[in-house]
Amino acid sequence: MKILVPSSGEDITNKIDEHFSKAKYFIFMDSEKDVWEVFENEFLHDKHPGDEIAKKAIDLK
Protein backbone atom coordinates (compact mmCIF):
# COMPACT_ATOMS: atom_id res chain seq x y z
CA MET A 1 0.00 0.00 0.00
CA LYS A 2 1.23 3.50 -0.84
CA ILE A 3 0.48 6.31 1.60
CA LEU A 4 1.18 10.04 1.49
CA VAL A 5 1.27 11.66 4.94
CA PRO A 6 1.54 15.40 5.62
CA SER A 7 4.36 16.01 8.08
CA SER A 8 5.60 18.86 10.24
CA GLY A 9 9.22 17.77 9.76
CA GLU A 10 11.75 15.96 7.62
CA ASP A 11 11.48 12.43 8.99
CA ILE A 12 9.00 9.85 10.21
CA THR A 13 9.46 10.80 13.86
CA ASN A 14 7.81 14.20 13.34
CA LYS A 15 4.13 14.84 13.96
CA ILE A 16 1.52 14.51 11.25
CA ASP A 17 0.50 17.94 10.02
CA GLU A 18 -3.20 18.68 10.52
CA HIS A 19 -3.51 20.68 7.29
CA PHE A 20 -2.71 18.53 4.25
CA SER A 21 -2.12 21.25 1.66
CA LYS A 22 -0.29 23.52 4.12
CA ALA A 23 2.14 20.87 5.40
CA LYS A 24 5.82 21.78 5.06
CA TYR A 25 6.74 18.19 4.20
CA PHE A 26 5.20 14.96 2.96
CA ILE A 27 6.25 11.43 3.74
CA PHE A 28 5.61 8.91 0.98
CA MET A 29 5.48 5.36 2.32
CA ASP A 30 5.31 2.11 0.38
CA SER A 31 4.44 -0.69 2.80
CA GLU A 32 4.95 -3.42 0.19
CA LYS A 33 8.55 -2.38 -0.49
CA ASP A 34 9.10 -1.19 3.11
CA VAL A 35 10.51 2.17 1.97
CA TRP A 36 9.73 5.79 2.72
CA GLU A 37 10.79 9.11 1.27
CA VAL A 38 10.38 12.67 2.53
CA PHE A 39 9.94 15.62 0.25
CA GLU A 40 9.33 19.30 0.84
CA ASN A 41 5.95 20.75 -0.13
CA GLU A 42 7.03 22.79 -3.15
CA PHE A 43 3.42 23.95 -3.60
CA LEU A 44 3.06 25.44 -0.12
CA HIS A 45 2.56 29.00 -1.33
CA ASP A 46 0.45 28.23 -4.42
CA LYS A 47 -3.14 29.42 -4.58
CA HIS A 48 -4.56 25.86 -4.88
CA PRO A 49 -1.80 23.51 -3.64
CA GLY A 50 -4.05 20.48 -3.17
CA ASP A 51 -4.39 19.88 -6.92
CA GLU A 52 -0.63 19.97 -7.47
CA ILE A 53 0.07 17.76 -4.46
CA ALA A 54 -2.40 15.18 -5.77
CA LYS A 55 -0.73 15.18 -9.21
CA LYS A 56 2.70 14.70 -7.65
CA ALA A 57 1.39 11.90 -5.41
CA ILE A 58 0.05 10.04 -8.44
CA ASP A 59 3.48 10.22 -10.10
CA LEU A 60 5.34 8.81 -7.06
CA LYS A 61 6.50 5.23 -7.42
PDB file of N, CA and C in Angstrom:
ATOM      1  N   MET A   1       0.839  -1.167   0.000  1.00  0.00           N
ATOM      2  CA  MET A   1       0.000   0.000   0.000  1.00  0.00           C
ATOM      3  C   MET A   1       0.890   1.238   0.000  1.00  0.00           C
ATOM      4  N   LYS A   2       0.496   2.242  -0.782  1.00  0.00           N
ATOM      5  CA  LYS A   2       1.230   3.501  -0.838  1.00  0.00           C
ATOM      6  C   LYS A   2       0.432   4.568  -0.104  1.00  0.00           C
ATOM      7  N   ILE A   3       1.129   5.312   0.748  1.00  0.00           N
ATOM      8  CA  ILE A   3       0.478   6.306   1.601  1.00  0.00           C
ATOM      9  C   ILE A   3       1.274   7.610   1.533  1.00  0.00           C
ATOM     10  N   LEU A   4       0.558   8.724   1.451  1.00  0.00           N
ATOM     11  CA  LEU A   4       1.181  10.039   1.493  1.00  0.00           C
ATOM     12  C   LEU A   4       0.690  10.743   2.749  1.00  0.00           C
ATOM     13  N   VAL A   5       1.623  11.083   3.641  1.00  0.00           N
ATOM     14  CA  VAL A   5       1.271  11.656   4.938  1.00  0.00           C
ATOM     15  C   VAL A   5       1.841  13.072   5.049  1.00  0.00           C
ATOM     16  N   PRO A   6       1.015  14.060   5.389  1.00  0.00           N
ATOM     17  CA  PRO A   6       1.540  15.402   5.617  1.00  0.00           C
ATOM     18  C   PRO A   6       2.323  15.426   6.930  1.00  0.00           C
ATOM     19  N   SER A   7       3.490  16.039   6.911  1.00  0.00           N
ATOM     20  CA  SER A   7       4.364  16.008   8.085  1.00  0.00           C
ATOM     21  C   SER A   7       4.839  17.403   8.463  1.00  0.00           C
ATOM     22  N   SER A   8       5.079  17.584   9.745  1.00  0.00           N
ATOM     23  CA  SER A   8       5.600  18.862  10.235  1.00  0.00           C
ATOM     24  C   SER A   8       7.121  18.923  10.153  1.00  0.00           C
ATOM     25  N   GLY A   9       7.760  17.803   9.821  1.00  0.00           N
ATOM     26  CA  GLY A   9       9.217  17.766   9.761  1.00  0.00           C
ATOM     27  C   GLY A   9       9.737  16.818   8.712  1.00  0.00           C
ATOM     28  N   GLU A  10      11.063  16.678   8.693  1.00  0.00           N
ATOM     29  CA  GLU A  10      11.745  15.964   7.621  1.00  0.00           C
ATOM     30  C   GLU A  10      11.929  14.466   7.825  1.00  0.00           C
ATOM     31  N   ASP A  11      11.372  13.885   8.865  1.00  0.00           N
ATOM     32  CA  ASP A  11      11.484  12.430   8.988  1.00  0.00           C
ATOM     33  C   ASP A  11      10.245  11.842   9.665  1.00  0.00           C
ATOM     34  N   ILE A  12      10.215  10.529   9.745  1.00  0.00           N
ATOM     35  CA  ILE A  12       9.000   9.845  10.214  1.00  0.00           C
ATOM     36  C   ILE A  12       8.742  10.002  11.706  1.00  0.00           C
ATOM     37  N   THR A  13       9.679  10.589  12.429  1.00  0.00           N
ATOM     38  CA  THR A  13       9.455  10.800  13.862  1.00  0.00           C
ATOM     39  C   THR A  13       8.696  12.097  14.156  1.00  0.00           C
ATOM     40  N   ASN A  14       8.537  12.949  13.143  1.00  0.00           N
ATOM     41  CA  ASN A  14       7.814  14.204  13.336  1.00  0.00           C
ATOM     42  C   ASN A  14       6.310  13.974  13.341  1.00  0.00           C
ATOM     43  N   LYS A  15       5.591  14.940  13.876  1.00  0.00           N
ATOM     44  CA  LYS A  15       4.134  14.841  13.962  1.00  0.00           C
ATOM     45  C   LYS A  15       3.488  14.973  12.587  1.00  0.00           C
ATOM     46  N   ILE A  16       2.329  14.348  12.456  1.00  0.00           N
ATOM     47  CA  ILE A  16       1.516  14.507  11.254  1.00  0.00           C
ATOM     48  C   ILE A  16       0.952  15.920  11.262  1.00  0.00           C
ATOM     49  N   ASP A  17       1.044  16.591  10.128  1.00  0.00           N
ATOM     50  CA  ASP A  17       0.498  17.943  10.020  1.00  0.00           C
ATOM     51  C   ASP A  17      -1.016  17.855   9.856  1.00  0.00           C
ATOM     52  N   GLU A  18      -1.736  18.708  10.547  1.00  0.00           N
ATOM     53  CA  GLU A  18      -3.199  18.683  10.523  1.00  0.00           C
ATOM     54  C   GLU A  18      -3.785  19.252   9.238  1.00  0.00           C
ATOM     55  N   HIS A  19      -3.017  20.025   8.501  1.00  0.00           N
ATOM     56  CA  HIS A  19      -3.510  20.679   7.287  1.00  0.00           C
ATOM     57  C   HIS A  19      -2.742  20.141   6.084  1.00  0.00           C
ATOM     58  N   PHE A  20      -3.377  19.241   5.341  1.00  0.00           N
ATOM     59  CA  PHE A  20      -2.711  18.529   4.253  1.00  0.00           C
ATOM     60  C   PHE A  20      -2.006  19.469   3.278  1.00  0.00           C
ATOM     61  N   SER A  21      -2.720  20.410   2.705  1.00  0.00           N
ATOM     62  CA  SER A  21      -2.123  21.252   1.664  1.00  0.00           C
ATOM     63  C   SER A  21      -1.161  22.302   2.212  1.00  0.00           C
ATOM     64  N   LYS A  22      -1.179  22.530   3.521  1.00  0.00           N
ATOM     65  CA  LYS A  22      -0.286  23.518   4.125  1.00  0.00           C
ATOM     66  C   LYS A  22       0.887  22.879   4.861  1.00  0.00           C
ATOM     67  N   ALA A  23       1.031  21.567   4.744  1.00  0.00           N
ATOM     68  CA  ALA A  23       2.140  20.870   5.400  1.00  0.00           C
ATOM     69  C   ALA A  23       3.463  21.288   4.768  1.00  0.00           C
ATOM     70  N   LYS A  24       4.501  21.408   5.580  1.00  0.00           N
ATOM     71  CA  LYS A  24       5.817  21.775   5.059  1.00  0.00           C
ATOM     72  C   LYS A  24       6.477  20.604   4.336  1.00  0.00           C
ATOM     73  N   TYR A  25       6.144  19.385   4.773  1.00  0.00           N
ATOM     74  CA  TYR A  25       6.745  18.189   4.195  1.00  0.00           C
ATOM     75  C   TYR A  25       5.688  17.114   3.994  1.00  0.00           C
ATOM     76  N   PHE A  26       6.024  16.149   3.140  1.00  0.00           N
ATOM     77  CA  PHE A  26       5.201  14.963   2.963  1.00  0.00           C
ATOM     78  C   PHE A  26       6.091  13.738   3.076  1.00  0.00           C
ATOM     79  N   ILE A  27       5.542  12.703   3.661  1.00  0.00           N
ATOM     80  CA  ILE A  27       6.247  11.426   3.740  1.00  0.00           C
ATOM     81  C   ILE A  27       5.484  10.441   2.873  1.00  0.00           C
ATOM     82  N   PHE A  28       6.174   9.906   1.878  1.00  0.00           N
ATOM     83  CA  PHE A  28       5.612   8.907   0.983  1.00  0.00           C
ATOM     84  C   PHE A  28       6.082   7.551   1.487  1.00  0.00           C
ATOM     85  N   MET A  29       5.142   6.684   1.812  1.00  0.00           N
ATOM     86  CA  MET A  29       5.483   5.359   2.324  1.00  0.00           C
ATOM     87  C   MET A  29       4.922   4.280   1.407  1.00  0.00           C
ATOM     88  N   ASP A  30       5.734   3.274   1.147  1.00  0.00           N
ATOM     89  CA  ASP A  30       5.306   2.112   0.381  1.00  0.00           C
ATOM     90  C   ASP A  30       5.471   0.901   1.297  1.00  0.00           C
ATOM     91  N   SER A  31       4.373   0.408   1.823  1.00  0.00           N
ATOM     92  CA  SER A  31       4.436  -0.687   2.797  1.00  0.00           C
ATOM     93  C   SER A  31       4.825  -2.016   2.155  1.00  0.00           C
ATOM     94  N   GLU A  32       4.577  -2.171   0.864  1.00  0.00           N
ATOM     95  CA  GLU A  32       4.949  -3.419   0.189  1.00  0.00           C
ATOM     96  C   GLU A  32       6.460  -3.520   0.002  1.00  0.00           C
ATOM     97  N   LYS A  33       7.096  -2.403  -0.290  1.00  0.00           N
ATOM     98  CA  LYS A  33       8.548  -2.376  -0.488  1.00  0.00           C
ATOM     99  C   LYS A  33       9.296  -2.002   0.789  1.00  0.00           C
ATOM    100  N   ASP A  34       8.543  -1.612   1.825  1.00  0.00           N
ATOM    101  CA  ASP A  34       9.104  -1.194   3.107  1.00  0.00           C
ATOM    102  C   ASP A  34      10.109  -0.048   2.936  1.00  0.00           C
ATOM    103  N   VAL A  35       9.682   0.982   2.183  1.00  0.00           N
ATOM    104  CA  VAL A  35      10.510   2.165   1.974  1.00  0.00           C
ATOM    105  C   VAL A  35       9.687   3.416   2.246  1.00  0.00           C
ATOM    106  N   TRP A  36      10.391   4.503   2.556  1.00  0.00           N
ATOM    107  CA  TRP A  36       9.733   5.792   2.722  1.00  0.00           C
ATOM    108  C   TRP A  36      10.658   6.880   2.216  1.00  0.00           C
ATOM    109  N   GLU A  37      10.046   7.983   1.816  1.00  0.00           N
ATOM    110  CA  GLU A  37      10.790   9.108   1.266  1.00  0.00           C
ATOM    111  C   GLU A  37      10.115  10.397   1.731  1.00  0.00           C
ATOM    112  N   VAL A  38      10.910  11.370   2.094  1.00  0.00           N
ATOM    113  CA  VAL A  38      10.384  12.666   2.534  1.00  0.00           C
ATOM    114  C   VAL A  38      10.669  13.690   1.449  1.00  0.00           C
ATOM    115  N   PHE A  39       9.682  14.521   1.152  1.00  0.00           N
ATOM    116  CA  PHE A  39       9.941  15.624   0.249  1.00  0.00           C
ATOM    117  C   PHE A  39       9.240  16.876   0.739  1.00  0.00           C
ATOM    118  N   GLU A  40       9.860  18.009   0.432  1.00  0.00           N
ATOM    119  CA  GLU A  40       9.329  19.304   0.844  1.00  0.00           C
ATOM    120  C   GLU A  40       8.120  19.662  -0.016  1.00  0.00           C
ATOM    121  N   ASN A  41       7.151  20.316   0.584  1.00  0.00           N
ATOM    122  CA  ASN A  41       5.954  20.746  -0.132  1.00  0.00           C
ATOM    123  C   ASN A  41       6.311  21.957  -0.989  1.00  0.00           C
ATOM    124  N   GLU A  42       6.638  21.706  -2.241  1.00  0.00           N
ATOM    125  CA  GLU A  42       7.029  22.788  -3.149  1.00  0.00           C
ATOM    126  C   GLU A  42       5.843  23.651  -3.568  1.00  0.00           C
ATOM    127  N   PHE A  43       4.635  23.233  -3.223  1.00  0.00           N
ATOM    128  CA  PHE A  43       3.422  23.955  -3.603  1.00  0.00           C
ATOM    129  C   PHE A  43       2.815  24.728  -2.431  1.00  0.00           C
ATOM    130  N   LEU A  44       3.553  24.846  -1.359  1.00  0.00           N
ATOM    131  CA  LEU A  44       3.056  25.435  -0.119  1.00  0.00           C
ATOM    132  C   LEU A  44       2.450  26.826  -0.308  1.00  0.00           C
ATOM    133  N   HIS A  45       3.023  27.620  -1.176  1.00  0.00           N
ATOM    134  CA  HIS A  45       2.559  28.999  -1.333  1.00  0.00           C
ATOM    135  C   HIS A  45       1.702  29.206  -2.584  1.00  0.00           C
ATOM    136  N   ASP A  46       1.332  28.125  -3.257  1.00  0.00           N
ATOM    137  CA  ASP A  46       0.447  28.230  -4.418  1.00  0.00           C
ATOM    138  C   ASP A  46      -0.974  28.553  -3.978  1.00  0.00           C
ATOM    139  N   LYS A  47      -1.760  29.061  -4.904  1.00  0.00           N
ATOM    140  CA  LYS A  47      -3.143  29.423  -4.584  1.00  0.00           C
ATOM    141  C   LYS A  47      -3.993  28.187  -4.287  1.00  0.00           C
ATOM    142  N   HIS A  48      -3.810  27.107  -5.068  1.00  0.00           N
ATOM    143  CA  HIS A  48      -4.555  25.858  -4.876  1.00  0.00           C
ATOM    144  C   HIS A  48      -3.566  24.687  -4.817  1.00  0.00           C
ATOM    145  N   PRO A  49      -2.854  24.531  -3.709  1.00  0.00           N
ATOM    146  CA  PRO A  49      -1.804  23.514  -3.640  1.00  0.00           C
ATOM    147  C   PRO A  49      -2.312  22.073  -3.671  1.00  0.00           C
ATOM    148  N   GLY A  50      -3.535  21.845  -3.237  1.00  0.00           N
ATOM    149  CA  GLY A  50      -4.050  20.476  -3.173  1.00  0.00           C
ATOM    150  C   GLY A  50      -4.035  19.767  -4.507  1.00  0.00           C
ATOM    151  N   ASP A  51      -4.383  20.477  -5.581  1.00  0.00           N
ATOM    152  CA  ASP A  51      -4.386  19.883  -6.920  1.00  0.00           C
ATOM    153  C   ASP A  51      -2.988  19.431  -7.327  1.00  0.00           C
ATOM    154  N   GLU A  52      -2.004  20.290  -7.088  1.00  0.00           N
ATOM    155  CA  GLU A  52      -0.628  19.969  -7.474  1.00  0.00           C
ATOM    156  C   GLU A  52      -0.055  18.844  -6.616  1.00  0.00           C
ATOM    157  N   ILE A  53      -0.393  18.834  -5.352  1.00  0.00           N
ATOM    158  CA  ILE A  53       0.068  17.762  -4.464  1.00  0.00           C
ATOM    159  C   ILE A  53      -0.500  16.426  -4.926  1.00  0.00           C
ATOM    160  N   ALA A  54      -1.769  16.413  -5.290  1.00  0.00           N
ATOM    161  CA  ALA A  54      -2.404  15.178  -5.772  1.00  0.00           C
ATOM    162  C   ALA A  54      -1.728  14.681  -7.043  1.00  0.00           C
ATOM    163  N   LYS A  55      -1.417  15.577  -7.971  1.00  0.00           N
ATOM    164  CA  LYS A  55      -0.735  15.178  -9.209  1.00  0.00           C
ATOM    165  C   LYS A  55       0.631  14.579  -8.904  1.00  0.00           C
ATOM    166  N   LYS A  56       1.376  15.218  -8.006  1.00  0.00           N
ATOM    167  CA  LYS A  56       2.700  14.699  -7.646  1.00  0.00           C
ATOM    168  C   LYS A  56       2.575  13.331  -6.976  1.00  0.00           C
ATOM    169  N   ALA A  57       1.590  13.170  -6.110  1.00  0.00           N
ATOM    170  CA  ALA A  57       1.391  11.895  -5.412  1.00  0.00           C
ATOM    171  C   ALA A  57       1.111  10.768  -6.396  1.00  0.00           C
ATOM    172  N   ILE A  58       0.353  11.054  -7.429  1.00  0.00           N
ATOM    173  CA  ILE A  58       0.046  10.038  -8.442  1.00  0.00           C
ATOM    174  C   ILE A  58       1.315   9.598  -9.158  1.00  0.00           C
ATOM    175  N   ASP A  59       2.236  10.525  -9.382  1.00  0.00           N
ATOM    176  CA  ASP A  59       3.475  10.219 -10.098  1.00  0.00           C
ATOM    177  C   ASP A  59       4.514   9.491  -9.249  1.00  0.00           C
ATOM    178  N   LEU A  60       4.366   9.482  -7.931  1.00  0.00           N
ATOM    179  CA  LEU A  60       5.336   8.809  -7.063  1.00  0.00           C
ATOM    180  C   LEU A  60       5.279   7.306  -7.260  1.00  0.00           C
ATOM    181  N   LYS A  61       6.440   6.688  -7.234  1.00  0.00           N
ATOM    182  CA  LYS A  61       6.500   5.234  -7.415  1.00  0.00           C
ATOM    183  C   LYS A  61       7.297   4.595  -6.323  1.00  0.00           C
TER     184      LYS A  61
END
